[in-house]
N, C-alpha and C. Protein backbone atom coordinates (compact mmCIF):
# COMPACT_ATOMS: atom_id res chain seq x y z
N MET A 1 177.69 -12.50 81.08
CA MET A 1 177.22 -11.97 82.37
C MET A 1 176.21 -10.85 82.15
N ARG A 2 176.52 -9.95 81.18
CA ARG A 2 175.61 -8.83 80.95
C ARG A 2 174.27 -9.33 80.43
N ARG A 3 174.32 -10.31 79.53
CA ARG A 3 173.07 -10.82 78.98
C ARG A 3 172.22 -11.47 80.07
N LYS A 4 172.88 -12.14 81.01
CA LYS A 4 172.15 -12.72 82.13
C LYS A 4 171.50 -11.63 82.96
N LEU A 5 172.23 -10.52 83.11
CA LEU A 5 171.69 -9.40 83.88
C LEU A 5 170.43 -8.87 83.23
N ILE A 6 170.46 -8.76 81.91
CA ILE A 6 169.29 -8.27 81.20
C ILE A 6 168.10 -9.20 81.42
N MET A 7 168.37 -10.51 81.31
CA MET A 7 167.28 -11.46 81.48
C MET A 7 166.65 -11.36 82.86
N LEU A 8 167.48 -11.03 83.85
CA LEU A 8 166.95 -10.90 85.21
C LEU A 8 166.20 -9.59 85.39
N MET A 9 166.64 -8.54 84.66
CA MET A 9 166.12 -7.21 84.91
C MET A 9 164.93 -6.82 84.06
N VAL A 10 164.91 -7.28 82.81
CA VAL A 10 163.93 -6.74 81.88
C VAL A 10 162.53 -7.29 82.17
N ALA A 11 161.59 -6.41 82.26
CA ALA A 11 160.18 -6.81 82.35
C ALA A 11 159.45 -6.00 81.30
N LEU A 12 158.65 -6.64 80.49
CA LEU A 12 158.00 -5.95 79.39
C LEU A 12 156.56 -5.67 79.75
N GLY A 13 155.99 -4.61 79.13
CA GLY A 13 154.60 -4.30 79.41
C GLY A 13 154.08 -3.23 78.52
N GLY A 14 152.96 -2.59 78.90
CA GLY A 14 152.32 -1.62 78.05
C GLY A 14 152.16 -0.29 78.72
N GLY A 15 151.85 0.72 77.91
CA GLY A 15 151.60 2.06 78.41
C GLY A 15 150.81 2.78 77.36
N SER A 16 150.45 4.01 77.61
CA SER A 16 149.70 4.77 76.62
C SER A 16 150.36 6.11 76.42
N LEU A 17 150.31 6.57 75.17
CA LEU A 17 150.89 7.83 74.78
C LEU A 17 150.46 8.06 73.35
N ALA A 18 150.31 9.32 72.96
CA ALA A 18 150.00 9.60 71.56
C ALA A 18 151.08 8.99 70.70
N GLY A 19 150.68 8.16 69.73
CA GLY A 19 151.65 7.48 68.90
C GLY A 19 152.02 6.11 69.42
N CYS A 20 151.55 5.78 70.61
CA CYS A 20 151.84 4.48 71.21
C CYS A 20 150.53 3.79 71.57
N SER A 21 150.62 2.50 71.78
CA SER A 21 149.48 1.76 72.30
C SER A 21 149.99 0.64 73.16
N THR A 22 149.14 0.10 74.00
CA THR A 22 149.57 -0.96 74.90
C THR A 22 149.85 -2.23 74.12
N MET A 23 150.76 -3.05 74.66
CA MET A 23 151.11 -4.32 74.03
C MET A 23 150.14 -5.42 74.43
N GLY A 24 149.34 -5.20 75.44
CA GLY A 24 148.41 -6.22 75.89
C GLY A 24 147.48 -5.63 76.92
N GLU A 25 146.49 -6.41 77.33
CA GLU A 25 145.51 -5.89 78.27
C GLU A 25 146.10 -5.72 79.67
N THR A 26 147.04 -6.58 80.02
CA THR A 26 147.65 -6.49 81.34
C THR A 26 149.09 -6.00 81.22
N PRO A 27 149.37 -4.76 81.60
CA PRO A 27 150.74 -4.24 81.47
C PRO A 27 151.72 -5.05 82.31
N LYS A 28 152.88 -5.26 81.76
CA LYS A 28 153.96 -5.91 82.49
C LYS A 28 155.08 -4.89 82.63
N LEU A 29 155.22 -4.36 83.81
CA LEU A 29 156.16 -3.28 84.05
C LEU A 29 157.43 -3.79 84.71
N ALA A 30 158.51 -3.09 84.45
CA ALA A 30 159.78 -3.47 85.06
C ALA A 30 159.70 -3.36 86.58
N THR A 31 160.43 -4.23 87.25
CA THR A 31 160.60 -4.12 88.69
C THR A 31 162.05 -3.76 88.95
N TYR A 32 162.27 -2.92 89.93
CA TYR A 32 163.59 -2.34 90.16
C TYR A 32 164.23 -2.92 91.42
N GLN A 33 164.76 -4.10 91.25
CA GLN A 33 165.41 -4.79 92.35
C GLN A 33 166.86 -4.32 92.49
N SER A 34 167.46 -4.65 93.61
CA SER A 34 168.87 -4.33 93.84
C SER A 34 169.72 -5.06 92.80
N VAL A 35 170.74 -4.37 92.31
CA VAL A 35 171.62 -4.94 91.29
C VAL A 35 173.07 -4.78 91.73
N LYS A 36 173.84 -5.86 91.64
CA LYS A 36 175.28 -5.79 91.90
C LYS A 36 175.98 -5.67 90.56
N ASP A 37 176.83 -4.66 90.45
CA ASP A 37 177.46 -4.37 89.16
C ASP A 37 178.83 -3.73 89.38
N ALA A 38 179.87 -4.38 88.86
CA ALA A 38 181.23 -3.84 88.91
C ALA A 38 181.66 -3.46 90.33
N GLY A 39 181.24 -4.24 91.30
CA GLY A 39 181.63 -3.97 92.68
C GLY A 39 180.72 -3.01 93.41
N TYR A 40 179.73 -2.47 92.72
CA TYR A 40 178.76 -1.56 93.34
C TYR A 40 177.43 -2.30 93.53
N THR A 41 176.69 -1.90 94.54
CA THR A 41 175.35 -2.44 94.74
C THR A 41 174.35 -1.31 94.58
N ILE A 42 173.62 -1.36 93.47
CA ILE A 42 172.60 -0.35 93.20
C ILE A 42 171.37 -0.69 94.03
N PRO A 43 170.90 0.23 94.86
CA PRO A 43 169.76 -0.08 95.74
C PRO A 43 168.48 -0.38 94.97
N ALA A 44 167.65 -1.21 95.56
CA ALA A 44 166.32 -1.45 95.00
C ALA A 44 165.49 -0.18 95.11
N ILE A 45 164.49 -0.07 94.25
CA ILE A 45 163.57 1.06 94.28
C ILE A 45 162.17 0.52 94.55
N ASN A 46 161.45 1.16 95.43
CA ASN A 46 160.08 0.77 95.73
C ASN A 46 159.22 1.07 94.50
N ASN A 47 158.78 0.02 93.83
CA ASN A 47 158.05 0.19 92.57
C ASN A 47 156.78 1.03 92.73
N SER A 48 156.18 0.98 93.89
CA SER A 48 154.95 1.75 94.10
C SER A 48 155.21 3.25 94.12
N LYS A 49 156.47 3.64 94.26
CA LYS A 49 156.82 5.06 94.28
C LYS A 49 157.02 5.63 92.88
N ILE A 50 157.07 4.75 91.87
CA ILE A 50 157.32 5.19 90.50
C ILE A 50 156.02 5.13 89.71
N PRO A 51 155.54 6.24 89.16
CA PRO A 51 154.33 6.19 88.34
C PRO A 51 154.47 5.15 87.24
N ASP A 52 153.42 4.38 87.01
CA ASP A 52 153.50 3.29 86.05
C ASP A 52 154.01 3.72 84.68
N GLN A 53 153.63 4.91 84.23
CA GLN A 53 154.02 5.31 82.88
C GLN A 53 155.53 5.52 82.75
N TYR A 54 156.23 5.68 83.86
CA TYR A 54 157.67 5.90 83.80
C TYR A 54 158.48 4.64 84.10
N ARG A 55 157.81 3.54 84.33
CA ARG A 55 158.52 2.28 84.50
C ARG A 55 158.81 1.67 83.12
N ARG A 56 159.96 1.04 83.01
CA ARG A 56 160.37 0.47 81.73
C ARG A 56 159.32 -0.51 81.22
N GLN A 57 158.97 -0.37 79.92
CA GLN A 57 157.92 -1.22 79.37
C GLN A 57 157.97 -1.21 77.85
N MET A 58 157.50 -2.30 77.24
CA MET A 58 157.40 -2.39 75.80
C MET A 58 156.10 -1.73 75.35
N VAL A 59 156.19 -0.92 74.29
CA VAL A 59 155.00 -0.27 73.73
C VAL A 59 155.03 -0.40 72.21
N ARG A 60 153.86 -0.25 71.62
CA ARG A 60 153.80 -0.11 70.16
C ARG A 60 154.19 1.32 69.83
N TYR A 61 155.03 1.46 68.82
CA TYR A 61 155.54 2.80 68.51
C TYR A 61 155.88 2.86 67.03
N GLU A 62 155.16 3.68 66.29
CA GLU A 62 155.39 3.82 64.87
C GLU A 62 156.35 4.97 64.60
N THR A 63 157.40 4.69 63.86
CA THR A 63 158.40 5.69 63.54
C THR A 63 159.12 5.30 62.27
N THR A 64 159.70 6.28 61.61
CA THR A 64 160.50 5.99 60.41
C THR A 64 161.95 5.67 60.78
N GLN A 65 162.29 5.82 62.06
CA GLN A 65 163.65 5.50 62.49
C GLN A 65 163.87 3.99 62.51
N LYS A 66 165.08 3.58 62.21
CA LYS A 66 165.40 2.16 62.12
C LYS A 66 165.52 1.53 63.51
N PRO A 67 165.23 0.23 63.61
CA PRO A 67 165.48 -0.47 64.87
C PRO A 67 166.92 -0.29 65.32
N GLY A 68 167.08 -0.12 66.61
CA GLY A 68 168.41 0.13 67.17
C GLY A 68 168.68 1.60 67.42
N SER A 69 167.79 2.46 66.96
CA SER A 69 167.95 3.90 67.19
C SER A 69 167.21 4.33 68.44
N ILE A 70 167.48 5.54 68.87
CA ILE A 70 166.89 6.11 70.08
C ILE A 70 166.14 7.38 69.73
N ILE A 71 164.97 7.55 70.31
CA ILE A 71 164.21 8.80 70.19
C ILE A 71 163.94 9.32 71.59
N VAL A 72 164.30 10.55 71.83
CA VAL A 72 164.10 11.19 73.13
C VAL A 72 163.00 12.23 73.01
N ASP A 73 161.95 12.07 73.78
CA ASP A 73 160.88 13.06 73.85
C ASP A 73 161.01 13.76 75.20
N ALA A 74 161.79 14.83 75.20
CA ALA A 74 162.10 15.52 76.45
C ALA A 74 160.86 16.12 77.09
N ARG A 75 159.94 16.58 76.27
CA ARG A 75 158.75 17.23 76.83
C ARG A 75 157.86 16.23 77.56
N GLU A 76 157.68 15.05 76.96
CA GLU A 76 156.81 14.04 77.56
C GLU A 76 157.53 13.17 78.58
N LYS A 77 158.86 13.31 78.65
CA LYS A 77 159.69 12.56 79.62
C LYS A 77 159.75 11.06 79.30
N TYR A 78 159.95 10.77 77.99
CA TYR A 78 160.13 9.39 77.58
C TYR A 78 161.34 9.26 76.67
N LEU A 79 161.99 8.12 76.76
CA LEU A 79 163.03 7.74 75.81
C LEU A 79 162.60 6.41 75.20
N TYR A 80 162.67 6.32 73.87
CA TYR A 80 162.28 5.12 73.15
C TYR A 80 163.50 4.47 72.50
N TYR A 81 163.67 3.18 72.74
CA TYR A 81 164.65 2.40 71.99
C TYR A 81 163.85 1.64 70.95
N VAL A 82 164.07 1.98 69.67
CA VAL A 82 163.25 1.46 68.58
C VAL A 82 163.60 0.00 68.32
N MET A 83 162.56 -0.81 68.18
CA MET A 83 162.69 -2.24 67.93
C MET A 83 161.90 -2.60 66.67
N PRO A 84 162.10 -3.80 66.12
CA PRO A 84 161.35 -4.20 64.92
C PRO A 84 159.85 -4.29 65.18
N ASP A 85 159.10 -4.33 64.07
CA ASP A 85 157.65 -4.58 64.12
C ASP A 85 156.88 -3.51 64.88
N ASN A 86 157.28 -2.26 64.70
CA ASN A 86 156.57 -1.13 65.33
C ASN A 86 156.49 -1.25 66.84
N LYS A 87 157.58 -1.68 67.44
CA LYS A 87 157.66 -1.77 68.89
C LYS A 87 158.84 -0.92 69.38
N ALA A 88 158.78 -0.58 70.64
CA ALA A 88 159.89 0.14 71.26
C ALA A 88 159.91 -0.16 72.74
N MET A 89 161.10 -0.16 73.31
CA MET A 89 161.23 -0.20 74.76
C MET A 89 161.20 1.25 75.23
N ARG A 90 160.27 1.54 76.11
CA ARG A 90 160.12 2.91 76.58
C ARG A 90 160.61 3.04 78.01
N TYR A 91 161.35 4.10 78.25
CA TYR A 91 161.91 4.38 79.57
C TYR A 91 161.45 5.76 80.02
N GLY A 92 161.15 5.90 81.30
CA GLY A 92 160.89 7.21 81.86
C GLY A 92 162.20 7.95 82.06
N ILE A 93 162.19 9.26 81.85
CA ILE A 93 163.41 10.05 81.99
C ILE A 93 163.16 11.30 82.82
N GLY A 94 164.22 11.84 83.36
CA GLY A 94 164.21 13.17 83.96
C GLY A 94 165.02 14.07 83.04
N VAL A 95 164.62 15.31 82.92
CA VAL A 95 165.27 16.22 81.98
C VAL A 95 165.80 17.45 82.71
N GLY A 96 167.11 17.67 82.59
CA GLY A 96 167.73 18.82 83.23
C GLY A 96 167.83 20.01 82.29
N ARG A 97 168.36 21.09 82.80
CA ARG A 97 168.51 22.33 82.03
C ARG A 97 169.24 22.08 80.72
N GLU A 98 170.35 21.33 80.77
CA GLU A 98 171.11 21.05 79.57
C GLU A 98 170.32 20.16 78.61
N GLY A 99 169.42 19.35 79.18
CA GLY A 99 168.61 18.46 78.35
C GLY A 99 167.64 19.21 77.45
N PHE A 100 167.23 20.41 77.86
CA PHE A 100 166.30 21.19 77.06
C PHE A 100 167.03 22.15 76.12
N SER A 101 168.36 22.19 76.20
CA SER A 101 169.11 23.20 75.44
C SER A 101 169.47 22.76 74.04
N TRP A 102 169.24 21.49 73.73
CA TRP A 102 169.64 20.99 72.41
C TRP A 102 168.62 19.99 71.90
N SER A 103 168.37 20.05 70.59
CA SER A 103 167.54 19.05 69.94
C SER A 103 168.09 18.82 68.55
N GLY A 104 167.78 17.69 67.98
CA GLY A 104 168.30 17.37 66.66
C GLY A 104 168.72 15.92 66.58
N LYS A 105 169.68 15.64 65.71
CA LYS A 105 170.14 14.28 65.51
C LYS A 105 171.61 14.15 65.89
N ALA A 106 171.96 12.99 66.39
CA ALA A 106 173.33 12.72 66.80
C ALA A 106 173.57 11.22 66.75
N ASP A 107 174.81 10.84 67.02
CA ASP A 107 175.18 9.44 67.09
C ASP A 107 175.73 9.15 68.49
N VAL A 108 175.60 7.91 68.91
CA VAL A 108 176.24 7.48 70.16
C VAL A 108 177.72 7.29 69.83
N ALA A 109 178.53 8.25 70.21
CA ALA A 109 179.96 8.21 69.88
C ALA A 109 180.77 7.38 70.86
N ALA A 110 180.29 7.28 72.10
CA ALA A 110 181.01 6.53 73.12
C ALA A 110 180.03 6.03 74.17
N LYS A 111 180.41 4.93 74.80
CA LYS A 111 179.63 4.33 75.89
C LYS A 111 180.58 4.13 77.06
N ARG A 112 180.15 4.47 78.26
CA ARG A 112 181.00 4.33 79.42
C ARG A 112 180.24 3.65 80.56
N GLU A 113 180.88 2.69 81.20
CA GLU A 113 180.35 2.07 82.40
C GLU A 113 180.93 2.78 83.61
N TRP A 114 180.08 3.12 84.55
CA TRP A 114 180.49 3.85 85.75
C TRP A 114 181.45 5.00 85.38
N PRO A 115 180.93 5.96 84.63
CA PRO A 115 181.77 7.05 84.11
C PRO A 115 182.19 8.07 85.17
N THR A 116 183.26 8.76 84.85
CA THR A 116 183.67 9.94 85.62
C THR A 116 182.80 11.11 85.17
N TRP A 117 182.42 11.94 86.11
CA TRP A 117 181.61 13.12 85.78
C TRP A 117 182.44 14.38 85.92
N THR A 118 182.43 15.20 84.87
CA THR A 118 183.10 16.50 84.90
C THR A 118 182.05 17.57 84.63
N PRO A 119 181.72 18.40 85.60
CA PRO A 119 180.68 19.42 85.37
C PRO A 119 181.14 20.44 84.34
N PRO A 120 180.26 20.83 83.41
CA PRO A 120 180.62 21.85 82.42
C PRO A 120 180.85 23.21 83.08
N VAL A 121 181.61 24.03 82.41
CA VAL A 121 181.96 25.35 82.95
C VAL A 121 180.72 26.17 83.32
N PRO A 122 179.68 26.23 82.47
CA PRO A 122 178.49 27.01 82.85
C PRO A 122 177.86 26.52 84.16
N MET A 123 177.90 25.21 84.39
CA MET A 123 177.33 24.68 85.62
C MET A 123 178.17 25.10 86.83
N ILE A 124 179.48 25.10 86.67
CA ILE A 124 180.36 25.52 87.76
C ILE A 124 180.13 26.99 88.09
N LYS A 125 179.87 27.80 87.06
CA LYS A 125 179.59 29.22 87.29
C LYS A 125 178.30 29.40 88.09
N ARG A 126 177.30 28.54 87.80
CA ARG A 126 176.04 28.63 88.53
C ARG A 126 176.17 28.07 89.93
N GLN A 127 177.01 27.04 90.05
CA GLN A 127 177.17 26.35 91.34
C GLN A 127 178.67 26.25 91.66
N PRO A 128 179.26 27.31 92.19
CA PRO A 128 180.70 27.35 92.45
C PRO A 128 181.20 26.21 93.33
N GLU A 129 180.32 25.63 94.13
CA GLU A 129 180.75 24.52 95.00
C GLU A 129 181.17 23.29 94.19
N LEU A 130 180.82 23.27 92.90
CA LEU A 130 181.20 22.13 92.05
C LEU A 130 182.60 22.27 91.47
N ALA A 131 183.26 23.40 91.75
CA ALA A 131 184.60 23.63 91.19
C ALA A 131 185.57 22.53 91.59
N LYS A 132 185.35 21.90 92.74
CA LYS A 132 186.25 20.84 93.19
C LYS A 132 186.22 19.63 92.26
N TYR A 133 185.19 19.57 91.39
CA TYR A 133 185.09 18.45 90.46
C TYR A 133 185.48 18.85 89.03
N ARG A 134 186.13 19.99 88.88
CA ARG A 134 186.45 20.45 87.53
C ARG A 134 187.36 19.47 86.80
N ASN A 135 188.10 18.66 87.53
CA ASN A 135 188.95 17.63 86.91
C ASN A 135 188.32 16.25 86.94
N GLY A 136 187.05 16.20 87.36
CA GLY A 136 186.32 14.95 87.32
C GLY A 136 185.97 14.42 88.70
N MET A 137 184.77 13.89 88.82
CA MET A 137 184.32 13.22 90.04
C MET A 137 184.39 11.72 89.79
N LYS A 138 185.02 11.00 90.69
CA LYS A 138 185.21 9.57 90.49
C LYS A 138 183.88 8.84 90.40
N PRO A 139 183.86 7.70 89.72
CA PRO A 139 182.63 6.91 89.61
C PRO A 139 182.13 6.46 90.98
N GLY A 140 180.85 6.15 91.05
CA GLY A 140 180.30 5.66 92.30
C GLY A 140 178.80 5.85 92.36
N LEU A 141 178.22 5.40 93.45
CA LEU A 141 176.76 5.44 93.59
C LEU A 141 176.21 6.86 93.67
N GLN A 142 177.04 7.83 94.05
CA GLN A 142 176.58 9.21 94.15
C GLN A 142 176.95 10.05 92.93
N ASN A 143 177.68 9.46 91.99
CA ASN A 143 178.08 10.19 90.79
C ASN A 143 176.84 10.55 89.97
N PRO A 144 176.71 11.82 89.53
CA PRO A 144 175.51 12.25 88.80
C PRO A 144 175.26 11.51 87.49
N LEU A 145 176.30 10.89 86.89
CA LEU A 145 176.11 10.15 85.65
C LEU A 145 175.66 8.72 85.90
N GLY A 146 175.65 8.31 87.15
CA GLY A 146 175.14 6.99 87.47
C GLY A 146 176.00 5.86 86.95
N ALA A 147 175.33 4.75 86.64
CA ALA A 147 176.02 3.51 86.30
C ALA A 147 176.51 3.45 84.86
N ARG A 148 175.93 4.24 83.98
CA ARG A 148 176.29 4.20 82.57
C ARG A 148 176.05 5.57 81.95
N ALA A 149 176.75 5.83 80.84
CA ALA A 149 176.51 7.07 80.10
C ALA A 149 176.73 6.83 78.61
N LEU A 150 175.90 7.45 77.81
CA LEU A 150 176.04 7.47 76.36
C LEU A 150 176.37 8.90 75.95
N TYR A 151 177.43 9.06 75.16
CA TYR A 151 177.92 10.39 74.78
C TYR A 151 177.55 10.66 73.32
N LEU A 152 176.87 11.77 73.08
CA LEU A 152 176.31 12.05 71.76
C LEU A 152 177.14 13.08 71.00
N HIS A 153 177.49 12.72 69.77
CA HIS A 153 178.22 13.60 68.87
C HIS A 153 177.43 13.77 67.58
N ASN A 154 177.64 14.91 66.90
CA ASN A 154 177.10 15.10 65.56
C ASN A 154 178.23 15.61 64.66
N LYS A 155 177.88 16.17 63.52
CA LYS A 155 178.92 16.63 62.59
C LYS A 155 179.80 17.71 63.19
N GLY A 156 179.26 18.43 64.16
CA GLY A 156 180.04 19.48 64.81
C GLY A 156 180.90 18.97 65.96
N GLY A 157 180.84 17.68 66.23
CA GLY A 157 181.62 17.11 67.32
C GLY A 157 180.75 16.80 68.53
N ASP A 158 181.33 16.91 69.69
CA ASP A 158 180.62 16.59 70.93
C ASP A 158 179.50 17.60 71.16
N THR A 159 178.28 17.09 71.28
CA THR A 159 177.15 17.98 71.54
C THR A 159 177.11 18.45 72.99
N GLY A 160 177.88 17.76 73.84
CA GLY A 160 177.79 18.04 75.27
C GLY A 160 176.57 17.38 75.89
N TYR A 161 175.86 16.61 75.10
CA TYR A 161 174.59 15.99 75.49
C TYR A 161 174.85 14.55 75.91
N ARG A 162 174.31 14.16 77.04
CA ARG A 162 174.53 12.82 77.58
C ARG A 162 173.19 12.17 77.92
N ILE A 163 173.13 10.87 77.70
CA ILE A 163 172.05 10.05 78.22
C ILE A 163 172.70 9.20 79.30
N HIS A 164 172.23 9.30 80.53
CA HIS A 164 172.98 8.70 81.62
C HIS A 164 172.07 8.23 82.75
N GLY A 165 172.65 7.51 83.68
CA GLY A 165 171.93 7.06 84.85
C GLY A 165 171.88 8.12 85.92
N THR A 166 171.16 7.83 86.97
CA THR A 166 171.10 8.74 88.11
C THR A 166 170.75 7.96 89.37
N PRO A 167 171.34 8.34 90.50
CA PRO A 167 170.91 7.75 91.77
C PRO A 167 169.61 8.38 92.28
N GLU A 168 169.20 9.49 91.68
CA GLU A 168 168.01 10.22 92.12
C GLU A 168 166.79 9.71 91.35
N TRP A 169 166.37 8.50 91.67
CA TRP A 169 165.27 7.88 90.93
C TRP A 169 163.98 8.68 91.01
N TRP A 170 163.82 9.44 92.09
CA TRP A 170 162.59 10.22 92.29
C TRP A 170 162.48 11.39 91.30
N SER A 171 163.56 11.69 90.58
CA SER A 171 163.53 12.80 89.63
C SER A 171 163.00 12.38 88.25
N ILE A 172 162.76 11.09 88.05
CA ILE A 172 162.26 10.61 86.77
C ILE A 172 160.83 11.13 86.54
N GLY A 173 160.61 11.63 85.34
CA GLY A 173 159.31 12.21 85.00
C GLY A 173 159.22 13.69 85.32
N LYS A 174 160.36 14.27 85.74
CA LYS A 174 160.33 15.68 86.17
C LYS A 174 161.40 16.49 85.44
N ASN A 175 161.23 17.81 85.51
CA ASN A 175 162.29 18.72 85.10
C ASN A 175 163.20 18.91 86.29
N VAL A 176 164.49 18.76 86.09
CA VAL A 176 165.44 18.84 87.19
C VAL A 176 166.39 20.00 86.98
N SER A 177 167.15 20.33 88.02
CA SER A 177 167.93 21.56 88.01
C SER A 177 169.13 21.52 87.07
N SER A 178 169.68 20.32 86.85
CA SER A 178 170.87 20.24 86.01
C SER A 178 170.95 18.87 85.35
N GLY A 179 171.86 18.75 84.40
CA GLY A 179 172.06 17.48 83.72
C GLY A 179 171.36 17.43 82.38
N CYS A 180 171.50 16.32 81.69
CA CYS A 180 170.91 16.13 80.36
C CYS A 180 169.68 15.24 80.47
N ILE A 181 169.80 14.01 79.97
CA ILE A 181 168.70 13.05 80.04
C ILE A 181 169.09 11.94 80.99
N ARG A 182 168.34 11.77 82.06
CA ARG A 182 168.68 10.78 83.08
C ARG A 182 167.63 9.68 83.17
N LEU A 183 168.12 8.47 83.40
CA LEU A 183 167.27 7.30 83.61
C LEU A 183 167.64 6.70 84.96
N MET A 184 166.73 5.94 85.53
CA MET A 184 167.09 5.18 86.72
C MET A 184 168.26 4.26 86.39
N ASN A 185 169.13 4.03 87.36
CA ASN A 185 170.32 3.23 87.09
C ASN A 185 169.99 1.86 86.51
N GLN A 186 168.95 1.22 87.02
CA GLN A 186 168.56 -0.08 86.47
C GLN A 186 168.17 0.04 85.00
N ASP A 187 167.55 1.16 84.63
CA ASP A 187 167.12 1.35 83.25
C ASP A 187 168.28 1.69 82.33
N ILE A 188 169.22 2.51 82.79
CA ILE A 188 170.34 2.86 81.91
C ILE A 188 171.20 1.63 81.65
N ILE A 189 171.30 0.72 82.61
CA ILE A 189 172.04 -0.52 82.37
C ILE A 189 171.33 -1.33 81.28
N ASP A 190 170.02 -1.42 81.36
CA ASP A 190 169.24 -2.14 80.35
C ASP A 190 169.43 -1.50 78.97
N LEU A 191 169.29 -0.18 78.89
CA LEU A 191 169.44 0.53 77.62
C LEU A 191 170.85 0.37 77.07
N TYR A 192 171.83 0.50 77.93
CA TYR A 192 173.24 0.40 77.54
C TYR A 192 173.53 -0.91 76.83
N GLU A 193 172.95 -1.99 77.34
CA GLU A 193 173.20 -3.29 76.74
C GLU A 193 172.52 -3.45 75.39
N ARG A 194 171.48 -2.70 75.14
CA ARG A 194 170.76 -2.79 73.88
C ARG A 194 171.40 -1.93 72.79
N VAL A 195 171.95 -0.80 73.17
CA VAL A 195 172.40 0.21 72.20
C VAL A 195 173.82 -0.07 71.73
N ASP A 196 174.00 0.03 70.43
CA ASP A 196 175.34 -0.12 69.86
C ASP A 196 176.00 1.24 69.68
N LYS A 197 177.31 1.26 69.77
CA LYS A 197 178.05 2.48 69.46
C LYS A 197 177.76 2.84 68.01
N GLY A 198 177.52 4.11 67.76
CA GLY A 198 177.15 4.56 66.42
C GLY A 198 175.66 4.64 66.19
N ALA A 199 174.86 4.21 67.18
CA ALA A 199 173.41 4.25 67.04
C ALA A 199 172.92 5.68 66.81
N LYS A 200 171.88 5.83 66.02
CA LYS A 200 171.32 7.13 65.73
C LYS A 200 170.39 7.57 66.87
N VAL A 201 170.50 8.84 67.23
CA VAL A 201 169.68 9.39 68.31
C VAL A 201 168.97 10.64 67.78
N THR A 202 167.68 10.70 68.00
CA THR A 202 166.89 11.88 67.64
C THR A 202 166.32 12.46 68.92
N VAL A 203 166.61 13.72 69.15
CA VAL A 203 166.07 14.43 70.33
C VAL A 203 165.01 15.41 69.82
N LEU A 204 163.78 15.18 70.23
CA LEU A 204 162.66 15.99 69.74
C LEU A 204 162.65 17.37 70.40
């Protein structure tokens, strides 16, 4: 079922960025149609509202990282899933305060579908109204972690760093008030299916 979902969702194309080049003369960008998943219906997104560079697309990307790894460029607002033959699937991201607080290398220690969200203590201190979720906010379309989450650990344990979905698609390509690295829900589902537990992640 998941593989069928990917076949329906994935659209490949090109973009430009230092270190990247287009895959062809005519970019083929992802389209963000409504998706039914685990009893939830993720709303469609008007593609014209999303800048082309932040729509999911295949790009040429040279790196020493092995296929199957992830590279996050928080400053440029891109996440790359490394593929063979100097290619990568590139996703637009939104970066929150916590997303800029850590960089380095980590592993995908856990993967969760429709995860529970528990705001960290510093966030609750900044936003006391979130105290009601100190024991976790149930999954759903309004949950800040969206449809999927990847949890990153390193030698020191949990980094507190998450790559996750978001219902706030308009925040992609921007610095946001809170959170780590967010992708549109349709994109995090696509990435989730590609990434294996234990995958290497580099945050620039």
